[in-house]
């Protein structure tokens, strides 16, 4: 079953390709149904610079919102993380980097001021 992360951000493929050490696993792109000689077959979609990939909270790039499917790039290095922060301005929000706190099950108003 596919795993949904806490946070991902969409980027055009051309922006990600700006990274000097970018390598792309195009065989992992999402499948499309096409008719070839009258028969419907599933093929990897052909990418253009304007197509969208998703940068996940773990810095993996996917062709879709799930963090463990259609992985396109997973060479997570300090240089890649720096590129994401400075060039792509990728910032993981506090809510996505923190764990669920234990007050979730407290009764309503338990922390309210008198």
Protein backbone atom coordinates (compact mmCIF):
# COMPACT_ATOMS: atom_id res chain seq x y z
CA UNK A 1 0.00 0.00 0.00
CA UNK A 2 1.29 3.45 -0.91
CA UNK A 3 2.50 5.69 1.89
CA UNK A 4 1.42 9.31 2.07
CA UNK A 5 4.02 11.54 3.67
CA UNK A 6 3.28 14.50 5.89
CA UNK A 7 4.50 17.02 3.32
CA UNK A 8 5.55 17.29 -0.31
CA UNK A 9 5.84 20.17 -2.74
CA UNK A 10 5.31 20.15 -6.50
CA UNK A 11 8.01 21.46 -8.84
CA UNK A 12 8.31 21.56 -12.61
CA UNK A 13 10.79 18.95 -13.82
CA UNK A 14 12.97 21.70 -15.34
CA UNK A 15 13.63 23.22 -11.88
CA UNK A 16 14.82 19.90 -10.44
CA UNK A 17 17.00 19.26 -13.48
CA UNK A 18 18.99 22.39 -12.56
CA UNK A 19 20.78 20.38 -9.86
CA UNK A 20 24.25 19.55 -11.21
CA UNK A 21 24.16 15.95 -9.92
CA UNK A 22 20.59 15.23 -11.03
CA UNK A 23 19.91 11.76 -12.40
CA UNK A 24 16.46 10.70 -13.41
CA UNK A 25 14.96 7.23 -13.21
CA UNK A 26 12.53 7.76 -16.06
CA UNK A 27 11.59 4.07 -15.97
CA UNK A 28 9.78 4.88 -12.68
CA UNK A 29 7.41 7.49 -14.10
CA UNK A 30 3.70 6.91 -13.76
CA UNK A 31 2.10 4.74 -16.40
CA UNK A 32 -0.23 5.98 -19.11
CA UNK A 33 -2.57 3.94 -21.25
CA UNK A 34 -1.95 4.32 -24.98
CA UNK A 35 -3.29 2.59 -28.05
CA UNK A 36 -0.59 0.92 -30.09
CA UNK A 37 -1.74 -0.89 -33.23
CA UNK A 38 -5.29 -0.93 -31.84
CA UNK A 39 -4.29 -2.46 -28.50
CA UNK A 40 -4.32 -0.56 -25.21
CA UNK A 41 -1.00 -0.87 -23.40
CA UNK A 42 0.51 0.80 -20.35
CA UNK A 43 3.68 2.77 -21.01
CA UNK A 44 5.80 5.14 -18.96
CA UNK A 45 4.71 8.69 -19.63
CA UNK A 46 7.01 10.88 -21.66
CA UNK A 47 8.28 13.86 -19.69
CA UNK A 48 8.52 17.48 -20.69
CA UNK A 49 10.24 20.23 -18.73
CA UNK A 50 6.83 21.50 -17.63
CA UNK A 51 5.66 18.22 -16.08
CA UNK A 52 5.46 18.08 -12.29
CA UNK A 53 7.45 16.00 -9.81
CA UNK A 54 7.03 16.01 -6.03
CA UNK A 55 9.80 16.72 -3.54
CA UNK A 56 8.97 14.76 -0.40
CA UNK A 57 9.83 15.68 3.21
CA UNK A 58 12.67 13.11 3.08
CA UNK A 59 14.12 14.85 -0.04
CA UNK A 60 13.16 11.99 -2.37
CA UNK A 61 11.58 13.09 -5.67
CA UNK A 62 8.54 11.17 -6.90
CA UNK A 63 6.21 11.22 -9.87
CA UNK A 64 3.11 11.45 -7.70
CA UNK A 65 2.17 12.39 -4.16
CA UNK A 66 3.07 9.10 -2.49
CA UNK A 67 6.55 9.03 -0.99
CA UNK A 68 7.29 5.38 -1.77
CA UNK A 69 5.94 5.05 -5.33
CA UNK A 70 7.31 6.21 -8.68
CA UNK A 71 10.64 7.28 -7.17
CA UNK A 72 12.53 9.38 -9.70
CA UNK A 73 15.48 10.64 -7.62
CA UNK A 74 16.77 9.38 -4.26
CA UNK A 75 20.43 10.42 -4.13
CA UNK A 76 20.07 12.37 -0.88
CA UNK A 77 23.33 14.20 -0.27
CA UNK A 78 24.15 17.38 1.64
CA UNK A 79 24.54 19.11 -1.75
CA UNK A 80 21.05 18.03 -2.79
CA UNK A 81 19.54 19.20 0.48
CA UNK A 82 21.33 22.54 0.16
CA UNK A 83 20.05 22.92 -3.43
CA UNK A 84 16.52 22.20 -2.21
CA UNK A 85 16.76 24.78 0.56
CA UNK A 86 18.52 27.57 -1.34
CA UNK A 87 17.54 27.23 -4.99
CA UNK A 88 14.11 25.61 -4.68
CA UNK A 89 13.36 27.34 -1.36
CA UNK A 90 12.01 24.04 -0.02
CA UNK A 91 11.13 24.31 3.64
CA UNK A 92 9.36 21.65 5.65
CA UNK A 93 6.64 23.24 7.81
CA UNK A 94 6.77 22.69 11.57
CA UNK A 95 3.60 20.60 11.51
CA UNK A 96 5.23 18.11 9.11
CA UNK A 97 8.46 17.74 11.03
CA UNK A 98 6.97 17.29 14.49
CA UNK A 99 5.26 14.21 15.85
CA UNK A 100 1.69 14.14 17.04
CA UNK A 101 1.68 15.30 20.64
CA UNK A 102 -0.04 13.50 23.46
CA UNK A 103 -2.68 16.18 24.06
CA UNK A 104 -4.73 15.08 21.08
CA UNK A 105 -7.05 13.01 23.28
CA UNK A 106 -7.51 15.63 26.01
CA UNK A 107 -11.11 16.76 26.58
CA UNK A 108 -12.17 19.93 24.80
CA UNK A 109 -11.26 22.97 26.87
CA UNK A 110 -8.68 21.13 29.00
CA UNK A 111 -6.01 23.67 28.07
CA UNK A 112 -8.31 26.67 27.86
CA UNK A 113 -7.56 29.71 29.97
CA UNK A 114 -10.11 30.46 32.74
